[in-house]
């Protein structure tokens, strides 16, 4: 029993050290997202998407990169935009980009893996959004127009209505603390504090999941094979990680937290994370989040689901394989 106490104390100490390291970056990211959500800047941009035709693919991609919404919150938003007249192409761009990047993701990637990796994931997210959007637009006349993509006709109504008949799309945002504070006080500062608290809980939860998994794995499981995958320069690690992460619920912050522990640098020491496998996990994992795919399968026709998966997998492989051979140091 005494050994268990010592072991748990060591695990707790290691987890605490790693949490303290990422805490400032977590706080900065949550602060930026709370500001965006308080003033609803992403909502203003979103409302303009239906008015810009083909260039809306670019706007949707950029919105996805700055939006504080996670993948699970983005899909109902995308469906509501489709019903409001947004073409499928920019909708796919938004859906692809949003899970890959946000202010919190960028600051935490900077702190955990370095500024080079944060910038590379940001550029990868923008590339993947544009790639997915313009290819979807090209396929519009091949069975991917907005009038044939849903399995069944969705009932009219507001997703924010608590009585909206499709439970998977019904928005629960009205129950959030920040919305209750806004209704009661209309005080922007108090709303900001509530949104900061909500963001800290949401993002902190995903970061803690990644750190706990990493601490347990590094402490109890022979993990040289994982390190070999993440630091491998060949083709096998890229394909293995790309396809292994498809069925996982691996948000960006969780993926970065898991990798961070395996390559925790000493002061002045570079992180030995290979470019190809790193992109395969940091891009391929979040973009196919399992809860999103569940709603996707229930709402859209199979060919739309297959298109989304094909875009995500081929885009991830292209990025990972290209970055592997480019003379870029991260």
Protein backbone atom coordinates (compact mmCIF):
# COMPACT_ATOMS: atom_id res chain seq x y z
CA UNK A 1 0.00 0.00 0.00
CA UNK A 2 2.93 2.26 0.81
CA UNK A 3 4.31 1.74 -2.70
CA UNK A 4 0.96 2.76 -4.16
CA UNK A 5 1.07 5.97 -2.15
CA UNK A 6 4.56 6.76 -3.43
CA UNK A 7 3.60 5.92 -7.02
CA UNK A 8 0.45 8.07 -6.93
CA UNK A 9 2.42 10.93 -5.39
CA UNK A 10 4.99 10.71 -8.19
CA UNK A 11 2.26 10.64 -10.84
CA UNK A 12 0.54 13.62 -9.24
CA UNK A 13 3.80 15.56 -9.05
CA UNK A 14 4.61 14.88 -12.70
CA UNK A 15 1.09 15.88 -13.76
CA UNK A 16 1.30 19.04 -11.66
CA UNK A 17 4.66 20.07 -13.18
CA UNK A 18 3.37 19.65 -16.72
CA UNK A 19 0.12 21.46 -15.91
CA UNK A 20 2.03 24.41 -14.44
CA UNK A 21 4.13 24.58 -17.62
CA UNK A 22 1.12 24.90 -19.92
CA UNK A 23 -1.07 26.97 -17.56
CA UNK A 24 0.00 30.44 -18.81
CA UNK A 25 -0.66 29.45 -22.43
CA UNK A 26 -4.01 27.96 -21.45
CA UNK A 27 -4.96 31.20 -19.68
CA UNK A 28 -3.98 33.38 -22.66
CA UNK A 29 -5.92 31.18 -25.10
CA UNK A 30 -9.02 31.09 -22.90
CA UNK A 31 -8.81 34.89 -22.48
CA UNK A 32 -8.72 35.46 -26.26
CA UNK A 33 -11.62 33.10 -26.86
CA UNK A 34 -13.67 34.74 -24.09
CA UNK A 35 -13.14 38.16 -25.70
CA UNK A 36 -14.22 36.84 -29.13
CA UNK A 37 -17.30 35.15 -27.66
CA UNK A 38 -18.25 38.13 -25.47
CA UNK A 39 -18.32 40.56 -28.39
CA UNK A 40 -19.60 37.87 -30.80
CA UNK A 41 -17.08 38.73 -33.51
CA UNK A 42 -17.28 35.23 -34.98
CA UNK A 43 -21.09 35.50 -35.19
CA UNK A 44 -20.88 38.71 -37.21
CA UNK A 45 -18.51 37.10 -39.70
CA UNK A 46 -20.66 33.98 -39.85
CA UNK A 47 -23.78 35.94 -40.84
CA UNK A 48 -21.92 37.37 -43.82
CA UNK A 49 -20.95 33.97 -45.25
CA UNK A 50 -24.15 33.49 -47.23
CA UNK A 51 -23.56 36.74 -49.18
CA UNK A 52 -20.16 36.22 -50.78
CA UNK A 53 -20.46 33.36 -53.27
CA UNK A 54 -17.28 31.45 -54.07
CA UNK A 55 -15.04 33.70 -51.98
CA UNK A 56 -17.05 32.61 -48.93
CA UNK A 57 -14.82 29.49 -48.94
CA UNK A 58 -11.91 31.73 -47.96
CA UNK A 59 -13.97 33.57 -45.34
CA UNK A 60 -15.29 30.27 -43.92
CA UNK A 61 -11.76 28.91 -43.66
CA UNK A 62 -10.49 32.00 -41.84
CA UNK A 63 -13.54 32.00 -39.58
CA UNK A 64 -12.86 28.38 -38.68
CA UNK A 65 -9.27 29.26 -37.77
CA UNK A 66 -10.26 32.04 -35.35
CA UNK A 67 -13.53 30.63 -34.07
CA UNK A 68 -13.55 29.43 -30.44
CA UNK A 69 -16.15 26.77 -31.30
CA UNK A 70 -15.15 23.11 -31.03
CA UNK A 71 -16.05 20.47 -33.61
CA UNK A 72 -19.21 19.38 -31.77
CA UNK A 73 -20.54 22.95 -31.66
CA UNK A 74 -19.55 23.68 -35.27
CA UNK A 75 -21.60 20.93 -36.94
CA UNK A 76 -25.06 22.18 -35.82
CA UNK A 77 -23.92 25.66 -36.83
CA UNK A 78 -22.89 24.38 -40.27
CA UNK A 79 -26.23 22.63 -40.76
CA UNK A 80 -28.14 25.77 -39.77
CA UNK A 81 -26.06 27.78 -42.28
CA UNK A 82 -26.81 25.23 -45.00
CA UNK A 83 -30.52 25.56 -44.29
CA UNK A 84 -30.10 29.35 -44.45
CA UNK A 85 -28.66 29.15 -47.95
CA UNK A 86 -24.92 28.66 -47.48
CA UNK A 87 -23.46 26.40 -50.22
CA UNK A 88 -21.93 23.09 -49.16
CA UNK A 89 -18.38 24.11 -50.14
CA UNK A 90 -17.82 26.88 -47.55
CA UNK A 91 -19.76 24.83 -45.01
CA UNK A 92 -17.25 22.00 -45.42
CA UNK A 93 -14.37 24.50 -45.17
CA UNK A 94 -15.72 25.75 -41.85
CA UNK A 95 -16.34 22.24 -40.56
CA UNK A 96 -12.82 21.09 -41.48
CA UNK A 97 -10.95 24.12 -40.17
CA UNK A 98 -12.75 24.77 -36.89
CA UNK A 99 -11.56 21.64 -34.99
CA UNK A 100 -7.95 22.25 -36.07
CA UNK A 101 -7.37 25.77 -34.83
CA UNK A 102 -8.66 28.34 -32.35
CA UNK A 103 -6.99 31.04 -30.24
CA UNK A 104 -6.66 28.58 -27.35
CA UNK A 105 -5.25 25.86 -29.60
CA UNK A 106 -2.67 28.26 -31.03
CA UNK A 107 -1.42 29.53 -27.67
CA UNK A 108 -1.27 26.05 -26.16
CA UNK A 109 0.52 24.59 -29.19
CA UNK A 110 3.00 27.46 -28.91
CA UNK A 111 3.64 26.70 -25.27
CA UNK A 112 3.72 22.92 -25.49
CA UNK A 113 5.41 22.27 -28.83
CA UNK A 114 6.84 25.63 -29.84
CA UNK A 115 5.84 28.54 -32.06
CA UNK A 116 6.99 26.70 -35.20
CA UNK A 117 4.51 23.90 -34.62
CA UNK A 118 1.69 26.33 -33.81
CA UNK A 119 2.29 28.20 -37.07
CA UNK A 120 2.55 24.97 -39.05
CA UNK A 121 -0.76 23.65 -37.71
CA UNK A 122 -2.39 27.02 -38.42
CA UNK A 123 -1.16 26.96 -42.04
CA UNK A 124 -2.19 23.30 -42.33
CA UNK A 125 -5.70 24.15 -41.09
CA UNK A 126 -6.02 26.97 -43.64
CA UNK A 127 -4.73 24.75 -46.46
CA UNK A 128 -7.08 21.91 -45.53
CA UNK A 129 -10.07 24.28 -45.35
CA UNK A 130 -9.36 25.73 -48.79
CA UNK A 131 -8.60 22.31 -50.26
CA UNK A 132 -11.82 20.81 -48.89
CA UNK A 133 -13.95 23.81 -49.89
CA UNK A 134 -12.82 24.20 -53.48
CA UNK A 135 -12.83 20.46 -54.19
CA UNK A 136 -16.37 20.23 -52.78
CA UNK A 137 -17.39 23.14 -55.01
CA UNK A 138 -15.96 21.32 -58.05
CA UNK A 139 -18.02 18.23 -57.10
CA UNK A 140 -21.24 20.24 -56.79
CA UNK A 141 -22.62 18.90 -60.11
CA UNK A 142 -21.76 15.30 -59.20
CA UNK A 143 -24.34 14.71 -56.49
CA UNK A 144 -23.19 17.22 -53.87
CA UNK A 145 -25.61 20.10 -54.29
CA UNK A 146 -27.35 21.40 -51.17
CA UNK A 147 -30.77 19.97 -52.09
CA UNK A 148 -29.61 16.32 -52.07
CA UNK A 149 -27.06 16.07 -49.25
CA UNK A 150 -29.37 15.41 -46.28
CA UNK A 151 -30.84 12.00 -45.53
CA UNK A 152 -34.23 13.58 -44.90
CA UNK A 153 -35.76 17.02 -44.97
CA UNK A 154 -35.04 18.80 -41.71
CA UNK A 155 -37.97 20.55 -40.02
CA UNK A 156 -38.01 24.32 -40.07
CA UNK A 157 -37.35 26.19 -36.87
CA UNK A 158 -34.64 27.64 -34.69
CA UNK A 159 -31.95 25.26 -33.39
CA UNK A 160 -31.87 27.43 -30.23
CA UNK A 161 -35.51 26.60 -29.52
CA UNK A 162 -35.66 24.07 -26.64
CA UNK A 163 -38.55 22.37 -28.48
CA UNK A 164 -36.73 21.93 -31.80
CA UNK A 165 -37.67 18.36 -32.83
CA UNK A 166 -34.20 17.11 -33.92
CA UNK A 167 -32.39 16.44 -30.66
CA UNK A 168 -28.92 16.04 -32.24
CA UNK A 169 -29.11 19.62 -33.56
CA UNK A 170 -30.90 21.26 -30.65
CA UNK A 171 -28.66 23.94 -29.17
CA UNK A 172 -28.25 24.01 -25.39
CA UNK A 173 -26.41 27.33 -25.29
CA UNK A 174 -29.29 29.02 -23.48
CA UNK A 175 -28.46 26.95 -20.40
CA UNK A 176 -24.84 28.13 -20.31
CA UNK A 177 -23.76 30.31 -17.42
CA UNK A 178 -22.72 33.18 -19.70
CA UNK A 179 -26.14 33.32 -21.34
CA UNK A 180 -27.88 33.33 -17.95
CA UNK A 181 -25.58 36.12 -16.77
CA UNK A 182 -26.27 38.09 -19.96
CA UNK A 183 -30.04 37.74 -19.55
CA UNK A 184 -29.90 38.83 -15.91
CA UNK A 185 -27.32 41.64 -15.98
CA UNK A 186 -26.44 42.64 -19.60
CA UNK A 187 -23.03 43.48 -18.12
CA UNK A 188 -20.27 42.76 -20.65
CA UNK A 189 -17.59 42.32 -18.01
CA UNK A 190 -19.63 39.78 -16.07
CA UNK A 191 -20.47 37.99 -19.32
CA UNK A 192 -16.75 37.94 -20.16
CA UNK A 193 -15.94 36.40 -16.77
CA UNK A 194 -18.61 33.74 -17.28
CA UNK A 195 -17.32 32.92 -20.76
CA UNK A 196 -13.75 32.79 -19.44
CA UNK A 197 -14.88 30.29 -16.80
CA UNK A 198 -16.72 28.19 -19.39
CA UNK A 199 -13.70 28.19 -21.70
CA UNK A 200 -11.32 27.30 -18.88
CA UNK A 201 -13.47 24.30 -17.95
CA UNK A 202 -13.92 23.11 -21.54
CA UNK A 203 -10.34 23.55 -22.75
CA UNK A 204 -8.79 22.62 -19.42
CA UNK A 205 -10.75 19.37 -19.46
CA UNK A 206 -9.35 18.35 -22.84
CA UNK A 207 -5.82 19.38 -21.85
CA UNK A 208 -6.05 17.38 -18.62
CA UNK A 209 -7.28 14.29 -20.49
CA UNK A 210 -4.24 14.45 -22.76
CA UNK A 211 -1.83 15.03 -19.87
CA UNK A 212 -3.30 12.22 -17.77
CA UNK A 213 -3.11 9.76 -20.67
CA UNK A 214 0.50 10.78 -21.35
CA UNK A 215 1.57 10.58 -17.68
CA UNK A 216 0.01 7.14 -17.22
CA UNK A 217 1.41 5.80 -20.50
CA UNK A 218 4.93 7.09 -19.89
CA UNK A 219 4.87 5.71 -16.35
CA UNK A 220 3.39 2.24 -16.87
CA UNK A 221 3.49 1.28 -20.55
CA UNK A 222 6.65 0.58 -22.58
CA UNK A 223 6.35 3.64 -24.79
CA UNK A 224 9.41 3.49 -27.01
CA UNK A 225 7.16 2.37 -29.87
CA UNK A 226 5.05 5.53 -29.45
CA UNK A 227 8.16 7.71 -29.42
CA UNK A 228 9.43 5.85 -32.50
CA UNK A 229 6.14 6.61 -34.27
CA UNK A 230 6.17 10.30 -33.37
CA UNK A 231 9.85 10.80 -34.15
CA UNK A 232 10.03 8.47 -37.15
CA UNK A 233 11.12 9.92 -40.49
CA UNK A 234 9.74 7.16 -42.70
CA UNK A 235 6.35 6.71 -44.37
CA UNK A 236 4.97 4.06 -41.99
CA UNK A 237 4.53 6.41 -38.96
CA UNK A 238 2.58 8.91 -41.09
CA UNK A 239 0.12 6.35 -42.46
CA UNK A 240 -0.17 4.56 -39.09
CA UNK A 241 -1.03 7.72 -37.15
CA UNK A 242 -3.33 9.13 -39.86
CA UNK A 243 -5.54 6.03 -39.96
CA UNK A 244 -5.23 5.15 -36.26
CA UNK A 245 -6.62 8.53 -35.18
CA UNK A 246 -9.71 8.39 -37.43
CA UNK A 247 -11.94 6.53 -34.91
CA UNK A 248 -10.63 8.48 -31.88
CA UNK A 249 -12.19 11.50 -30.19
CA UNK A 250 -8.98 13.53 -30.17
CA UNK A 251 -9.52 17.30 -29.86
CA UNK A 252 -6.57 19.52 -30.80
CA UNK A 253 -5.68 20.39 -27.20
CA UNK A 254 -5.80 16.73 -26.14
CA UNK A 255 -3.57 15.64 -29.02
CA UNK A 256 -1.04 18.37 -28.28
CA UNK A 257 -1.06 17.54 -24.56
CA UNK A 258 -0.36 13.87 -25.25
CA UNK A 259 2.55 14.66 -27.58
CA UNK A 260 3.91 17.32 -25.23
CA UNK A 261 4.68 14.86 -22.46
CA UNK A 262 6.64 12.53 -24.70
CA UNK A 263 8.88 15.36 -25.89
CA UNK A 264 8.94 17.62 -22.82
CA UNK A 265 12.07 19.69 -23.46
CA UNK A 266 14.69 20.78 -21.00
CA UNK A 267 15.60 24.49 -21.19
CA UNK A 268 17.31 25.20 -24.49
CA UNK A 269 16.63 21.71 -25.86
CA UNK A 270 14.70 21.20 -29.10
CA UNK A 271 11.67 18.93 -29.31
CA UNK A 272 12.50 15.89 -31.45
CA UNK A 273 9.05 15.51 -33.00
CA UNK A 274 9.12 14.53 -36.69
CA UNK A 275 7.15 16.80 -39.01
CA UNK A 276 5.18 14.10 -40.84
CA UNK A 277 3.92 12.13 -37.81
CA UNK A 278 3.32 15.35 -35.88
CA UNK A 279 1.02 16.74 -38.56
CA UNK A 280 -0.67 13.33 -38.97
CA UNK A 281 -1.68 13.37 -35.29
CA UNK A 282 -2.31 17.10 -34.79
CA UNK A 283 -4.36 17.44 -37.98
CA UNK A 284 -5.70 13.96 -38.71
CA UNK A 285 -6.92 13.30 -35.16
CA UNK A 286 -9.01 16.44 -34.44
CA UNK A 287 -10.55 16.72 -37.91
CA UNK A 288 -12.38 13.37 -37.59
CA UNK A 289 -13.66 13.73 -34.01
CA UNK A 290 -15.92 10.78 -33.20
CA UNK A 291 -18.98 12.71 -31.86
CA UNK A 292 -18.99 14.86 -35.00
CA UNK A 293 -18.87 11.81 -37.24
CA UNK A 294 -21.82 10.30 -35.36
CA UNK A 295 -24.03 13.34 -36.07
CA UNK A 296 -22.62 13.53 -39.61
CA UNK A 297 -23.65 9.93 -40.34
CA UNK A 298 -27.15 10.42 -38.91
CA UNK A 299 -27.87 13.65 -40.83
CA UNK A 300 -26.14 13.39 -44.22
CA UNK A 301 -26.26 10.92 -47.07
CA UNK A 302 -23.43 8.33 -47.10
CA UNK A 303 -21.68 9.95 -50.06
CA UNK A 304 -21.33 13.22 -48.11
CA UNK A 305 -19.82 11.36 -45.13
CA UNK A 306 -17.41 9.54 -47.44
CA UNK A 307 -16.49 12.83 -49.14
CA UNK A 308 -15.73 14.45 -45.78
CA UNK A 309 -13.57 11.52 -44.64
CA UNK A 310 -11.78 11.37 -48.00
CA UNK A 311 -11.02 15.10 -47.88
CA UNK A 312 -9.72 14.86 -44.31
CA UNK A 313 -7.57 11.77 -44.88
CA UNK A 314 -6.12 12.76 -48.26
CA UNK A 315 -5.50 16.33 -47.09
CA UNK A 316 -3.75 15.11 -43.93
CA UNK A 317 -1.59 12.65 -45.86
CA UNK A 318 -0.67 15.28 -48.43
CA UNK A 319 0.36 17.76 -45.73
CA UNK A 320 2.31 15.18 -43.72
CA UNK A 321 4.11 13.71 -46.73
CA UNK A 322 4.91 17.15 -48.16
CA UNK A 323 6.22 18.59 -44.90
CA UNK A 324 8.30 15.46 -44.37
CA UNK A 325 10.49 16.30 -47.38
CA UNK A 326 10.48 20.10 -47.15
CA UNK A 327 13.64 21.63 -45.61
CA UNK A 328 11.70 23.29 -42.80
CA UNK A 329 12.89 23.17 -39.23
CA UNK A 330 10.25 23.24 -36.48
